[in-house]
Amino acid sequence: MGLPGDQDALVDAVVAARPDAVVVVNASAPLALPWRGRARAVLWQWFPGQEGGDALADVLLGVVSPSGRLPTTLPRHIEDTSAFAHYPGAGGVVSYGEGIFVGYRGHDAAGVDPAFCFGHGLSYTTFEYSDLAVDAPPPGREEPLRATVDVTNTGERAGAEVVQCYVHPREASVPRPPQELKAFARVDLAPGESTRVVLDLDERAFAHWDDTVHAWRVEPGEYEIRAGASSRDIRATAFVELAGRL
């Protein structure tokens, strides 16, 4: 998970000489980033494309606010990943022993803190969440459950926030992750502006695969709806009681 060659050592030397240095990472997979706590900021480019240079300059110079979110978990150590104990296997056979506990699901289930969590991302402004509400459809109706939450830009710059909605089953008869991302929405807000964000959760948002009947099943019980800025930055919670359904 290290950068190729002596790049980590180079970054170490740069941030030692210039503690205000911003490190730009152009990579497509998680890296360890052993110097992450000493850099003033880390900007991840992923796949920047032909206009990546212009976009990078706009972000670094403050023309636009960064608004991307991590689509994966960056672990502190490769040993923290749920697949580590099972890879590369033996005799040419890999056992996917981590099952459904991959990525942030595995970190959450094991209670392990990542270097940077799934969904994480900062910008040049700040956002506040309030008044999360959940409206469940009447019994027998097919409409999705609707969660709504107010989001306010509390900073001095325009920016975009990615509101993420995670579902946590309070009880389950089968192994399930502590929470799973089931909806998200991006909103662009001027300084001081607020908006009501709508997040629709269909039946599959609460279901698990039942091997005994080869179908998706929603277990009856209470589910916690979590709205936040990342998998580890939950800002508001609400609860809903659902009837079971196969």
Protein backbone atom coordinates (compact mmCIF):
# COMPACT_ATOMS: atom_id res chain seq x y z
CA MET A 1 0.00 0.00 0.00
CA GLY A 2 3.01 2.30 -0.24
CA LEU A 3 3.69 4.75 -3.05
CA PRO A 4 6.12 3.33 -5.64
CA GLY A 5 9.84 3.87 -5.26
CA ASP A 6 10.97 6.55 -2.84
CA GLN A 7 7.87 8.74 -3.10
CA ASP A 8 6.88 8.31 0.55
CA ALA A 9 10.40 9.29 1.61
CA LEU A 10 10.22 12.31 -0.71
CA VAL A 11 6.94 13.46 0.81
CA ASP A 12 8.40 12.95 4.29
CA ALA A 13 11.32 15.23 3.40
CA VAL A 14 9.06 17.88 1.87
CA VAL A 15 6.62 18.07 4.81
CA ALA A 16 9.56 18.13 7.26
CA ALA A 17 10.98 21.16 5.43
CA ARG A 18 7.59 22.79 4.73
CA PRO A 19 4.94 21.90 7.34
CA ASP A 20 2.39 23.91 5.32
CA ALA A 21 2.81 21.65 2.27
CA VAL A 22 -0.28 20.31 0.49
CA VAL A 23 0.21 16.80 -0.91
CA VAL A 24 -1.66 15.89 -4.09
CA VAL A 25 -2.12 12.13 -4.58
CA ASN A 26 -2.85 10.85 -8.09
CA ALA A 27 -3.78 7.22 -7.43
CA SER A 28 -6.65 4.85 -8.15
CA ALA A 29 -6.49 2.60 -5.08
CA PRO A 30 -6.04 3.00 -1.30
CA LEU A 31 -2.55 3.84 -0.05
CA ALA A 32 -1.07 3.87 3.45
CA LEU A 33 0.08 7.54 3.39
CA PRO A 34 2.36 7.21 6.45
CA TRP A 35 3.00 11.00 6.38
CA ARG A 36 -0.71 11.93 6.35
CA GLY A 37 -0.67 13.40 9.86
CA ARG A 38 2.19 15.78 9.04
CA ALA A 39 0.92 17.23 5.75
CA ARG A 40 -1.15 20.41 5.98
CA ALA A 41 -3.69 18.87 3.59
CA VAL A 42 -4.06 15.88 1.30
CA LEU A 43 -5.90 16.26 -2.01
CA TRP A 44 -6.81 13.03 -3.82
CA GLN A 45 -7.14 13.30 -7.62
CA TRP A 46 -8.23 9.76 -8.56
CA PHE A 47 -8.68 9.79 -12.37
CA PRO A 48 -8.32 13.48 -13.30
CA GLY A 49 -8.51 13.13 -17.11
CA GLN A 50 -7.35 15.57 -19.78
CA GLU A 51 -8.45 18.69 -17.88
CA GLY A 52 -7.13 17.43 -14.56
CA GLY A 53 -4.41 20.05 -14.39
CA ASP A 54 -6.85 22.93 -14.81
CA ALA A 55 -9.25 21.41 -12.27
CA LEU A 56 -6.43 20.90 -9.77
CA ALA A 57 -5.27 24.50 -10.15
CA ASP A 58 -8.82 25.79 -9.56
CA VAL A 59 -9.09 23.79 -6.34
CA LEU A 60 -5.64 24.71 -5.01
CA LEU A 61 -6.13 28.40 -5.80
CA GLY A 62 -9.59 28.49 -4.26
CA VAL A 63 -11.51 29.19 -7.47
CA VAL A 64 -13.79 26.25 -6.64
CA SER A 65 -14.34 24.29 -3.44
CA PRO A 66 -13.43 20.59 -3.46
CA SER A 67 -16.54 18.47 -2.99
CA GLY A 68 -15.57 14.87 -3.77
CA ARG A 69 -16.08 12.01 -1.32
CA LEU A 70 -14.06 8.83 -0.86
CA PRO A 71 -15.75 5.88 -2.61
CA THR A 72 -13.59 3.47 -0.62
CA THR A 73 -12.02 3.13 2.83
CA LEU A 74 -8.36 4.03 3.31
CA PRO A 75 -7.12 1.66 6.04
CA ARG A 76 -4.34 2.57 8.45
CA HIS A 77 -2.63 -0.77 7.75
CA ILE A 78 -3.27 -3.47 5.17
CA GLU A 79 -3.73 -5.88 8.09
CA ASP A 80 -6.85 -3.89 9.04
CA THR A 81 -8.67 -4.92 5.86
CA SER A 82 -11.19 -7.73 6.24
CA ALA A 83 -9.71 -9.64 3.27
CA PHE A 84 -6.16 -9.71 4.66
CA ALA A 85 -6.59 -12.98 6.55
CA HIS A 86 -7.91 -14.78 3.46
CA TYR A 87 -5.67 -13.52 0.64
CA PRO A 88 -3.93 -14.91 -1.39
CA GLY A 89 -5.25 -18.27 -0.16
CA ALA A 90 -3.55 -21.56 -0.85
CA GLY A 91 -3.23 -23.99 -3.73
CA GLY A 92 -4.48 -21.42 -6.20
CA VAL A 93 -7.78 -21.05 -4.32
CA VAL A 94 -8.84 -17.83 -2.60
CA SER A 95 -11.47 -18.03 0.12
CA TYR A 96 -13.67 -14.96 0.30
CA GLY A 97 -14.01 -15.46 4.02
CA GLU A 98 -14.85 -11.81 4.72
CA GLY A 99 -18.29 -12.37 3.18
CA ILE A 100 -20.36 -9.18 3.23
CA PHE A 101 -17.97 -7.44 5.62
CA VAL A 102 -15.89 -5.60 3.03
CA GLY A 103 -14.68 -2.01 3.08
CA TYR A 104 -16.32 0.19 5.68
CA ARG A 105 -18.65 -2.67 6.65
CA GLY A 106 -15.65 -4.67 7.84
CA HIS A 107 -14.07 -1.75 9.67
CA ASP A 108 -17.36 -0.94 11.39
CA ALA A 109 -18.01 -4.54 12.39
CA ALA A 110 -14.50 -4.96 13.81
CA GLY A 111 -14.48 -1.56 15.50
CA VAL A 112 -11.29 -0.58 13.65
CA ASP A 113 -10.58 3.08 12.87
CA PRO A 114 -9.50 3.72 9.26
CA ALA A 115 -7.03 6.36 8.15
CA PHE A 116 -9.84 7.98 6.15
CA CYS A 117 -13.33 6.57 6.22
CA PHE A 118 -15.72 5.76 3.39
CA GLY A 119 -17.57 8.87 2.21
CA HIS A 120 -15.05 11.29 3.77
CA GLY A 121 -14.26 14.59 2.10
CA LEU A 122 -13.61 18.16 3.20
CA SER A 123 -14.25 21.47 1.47
CA TYR A 124 -13.63 25.17 1.99
CA THR A 125 -16.88 25.59 3.87
CA THR A 126 -18.90 23.79 6.55
CA PHE A 127 -22.39 22.32 6.70
CA GLU A 128 -24.92 21.74 9.46
CA TYR A 129 -27.64 19.04 9.51
CA SER A 130 -30.95 19.32 11.37
CA ASP A 131 -34.55 18.08 11.57
CA LEU A 132 -34.15 14.58 10.15
CA ALA A 133 -37.61 13.08 9.59
CA VAL A 134 -38.73 9.72 8.23
CA ASP A 135 -42.09 9.11 6.55
CA ALA A 136 -42.92 5.44 6.09
CA PRO A 137 -45.61 4.48 3.54
CA PRO A 138 -48.89 3.01 4.82
CA PRO A 139 -48.98 -0.82 5.13
CA GLY A 140 -49.47 -2.50 1.77
CA ARG A 141 -48.31 0.51 -0.25
CA GLU A 142 -45.32 0.20 -2.60
CA GLU A 143 -43.90 3.74 -2.22
CA PRO A 144 -40.37 4.06 -0.82
CA LEU A 145 -39.71 5.28 2.67
CA ARG A 146 -38.73 8.95 2.50
CA ALA A 147 -36.12 10.54 4.76
CA THR A 148 -35.71 14.32 4.73
CA VAL A 149 -33.11 16.46 6.45
CA ASP A 150 -32.26 20.17 6.47
CA VAL A 151 -28.72 21.08 5.39
CA THR A 152 -27.26 24.58 5.86
CA ASN A 153 -24.02 26.03 4.54
CA THR A 154 -22.61 27.56 7.72
CA GLY A 155 -19.36 28.81 6.17
CA GLU A 156 -18.34 31.83 4.12
CA ARG A 157 -17.86 30.08 0.78
CA ALA A 158 -20.21 28.44 -1.68
CA GLY A 159 -19.81 24.68 -1.76
CA ALA A 160 -21.37 21.28 -2.32
CA GLU A 161 -22.28 18.72 0.32
CA VAL A 162 -22.91 15.02 -0.28
CA VAL A 163 -25.58 13.93 2.18
CA GLN A 164 -25.28 10.21 2.90
CA CYS A 165 -28.00 7.98 4.33
CA TYR A 166 -27.05 4.79 6.17
CA VAL A 167 -29.42 2.11 7.45
CA HIS A 168 -28.76 0.22 10.69
CA PRO A 169 -30.98 -2.76 11.66
CA ARG A 170 -31.46 -2.71 15.44
CA GLU A 171 -31.77 -6.51 15.48
CA ALA A 172 -31.18 -9.19 12.83
CA SER A 173 -31.45 -12.98 12.69
CA VAL A 174 -28.50 -13.19 10.24
CA PRO A 175 -25.08 -11.51 10.23
CA ARG A 176 -25.43 -7.97 8.89
CA PRO A 177 -23.07 -4.98 8.80
CA PRO A 178 -23.63 -2.35 11.50
CA GLN A 179 -24.72 0.05 8.77
CA GLU A 180 -24.94 0.29 4.99
CA LEU A 181 -25.11 3.25 2.63
CA LYS A 182 -28.51 3.16 0.96
CA ALA A 183 -29.03 6.66 -0.49
CA PHE A 184 -27.15 9.90 -1.06
CA ALA A 185 -27.73 13.32 -2.58
CA ARG A 186 -25.45 16.20 -3.55
CA VAL A 187 -26.56 19.76 -2.89
CA ASP A 188 -24.88 23.04 -3.89
CA LEU A 189 -25.38 25.84 -1.37
CA ALA A 190 -24.37 29.49 -1.14
CA PRO A 191 -23.10 30.81 2.20
CA GLY A 192 -25.95 30.79 4.71
CA GLU A 193 -28.30 28.96 2.36
CA SER A 194 -30.39 25.99 3.54
CA THR A 195 -32.29 23.29 1.70
CA ARG A 196 -34.42 20.28 2.53
CA VAL A 197 -32.71 17.16 1.18
CA VAL A 198 -34.88 14.18 0.17
CA LEU A 199 -33.52 10.62 0.39
CA ASP A 200 -35.79 7.80 -0.80
CA LEU A 201 -35.26 4.29 0.60
CA ASP A 202 -36.96 1.46 -1.26
CA GLU A 203 -37.62 -2.02 0.10
CA ARG A 204 -34.16 -3.29 -0.87
CA ALA A 205 -32.59 -0.68 1.41
CA PHE A 206 -33.74 -2.80 4.37
CA ALA A 207 -33.49 -6.29 2.90
CA HIS A 208 -30.95 -9.10 3.12
CA TRP A 209 -30.56 -12.10 0.81
CA ASP A 210 -32.23 -15.20 2.25
CA ASP A 211 -30.41 -18.33 1.02
CA THR A 212 -33.20 -20.61 2.16
CA VAL A 213 -35.78 -19.15 -0.23
CA HIS A 214 -33.40 -17.49 -2.73
CA ALA A 215 -35.03 -14.09 -2.36
CA TRP A 216 -34.61 -10.71 -0.66
CA ARG A 217 -36.22 -10.54 2.77
CA VAL A 218 -37.10 -7.58 4.98
CA GLU A 219 -37.17 -8.64 8.62
CA PRO A 220 -39.75 -7.00 10.87
CA GLY A 221 -38.43 -4.64 13.50
CA GLU A 222 -36.88 -1.27 14.14
CA TYR A 223 -34.34 0.31 11.79
CA GLU A 224 -32.18 3.34 12.50
CA ILE A 225 -31.84 5.87 9.69
CA ARG A 226 -28.59 7.81 9.84
CA ALA A 227 -27.82 10.97 7.84
CA GLY A 228 -24.27 12.21 7.74
CA ALA A 229 -21.26 13.56 5.89
CA SER A 230 -19.45 10.18 5.89
CA SER A 231 -19.71 6.69 7.37
CA ARG A 232 -17.99 7.98 10.54
CA ASP A 233 -19.56 11.44 10.63
CA ILE A 234 -23.24 10.84 11.34
CA ARG A 235 -25.07 14.11 12.03
CA ALA A 236 -28.68 13.01 12.63
CA THR A 237 -30.61 9.81 13.38
CA ALA A 238 -34.22 8.69 13.27
CA PHE A 239 -36.05 5.37 13.73
CA VAL A 240 -38.71 3.53 11.78
CA GLU A 241 -40.62 0.32 12.54
CA LEU A 242 -41.18 -1.96 9.55
CA ALA A 243 -43.28 -5.03 9.02
CA GLY A 244 -41.47 -8.02 7.56
CA ARG A 245 -41.74 -8.88 3.88
CA LEU A 246 -40.35 -11.55 1.56
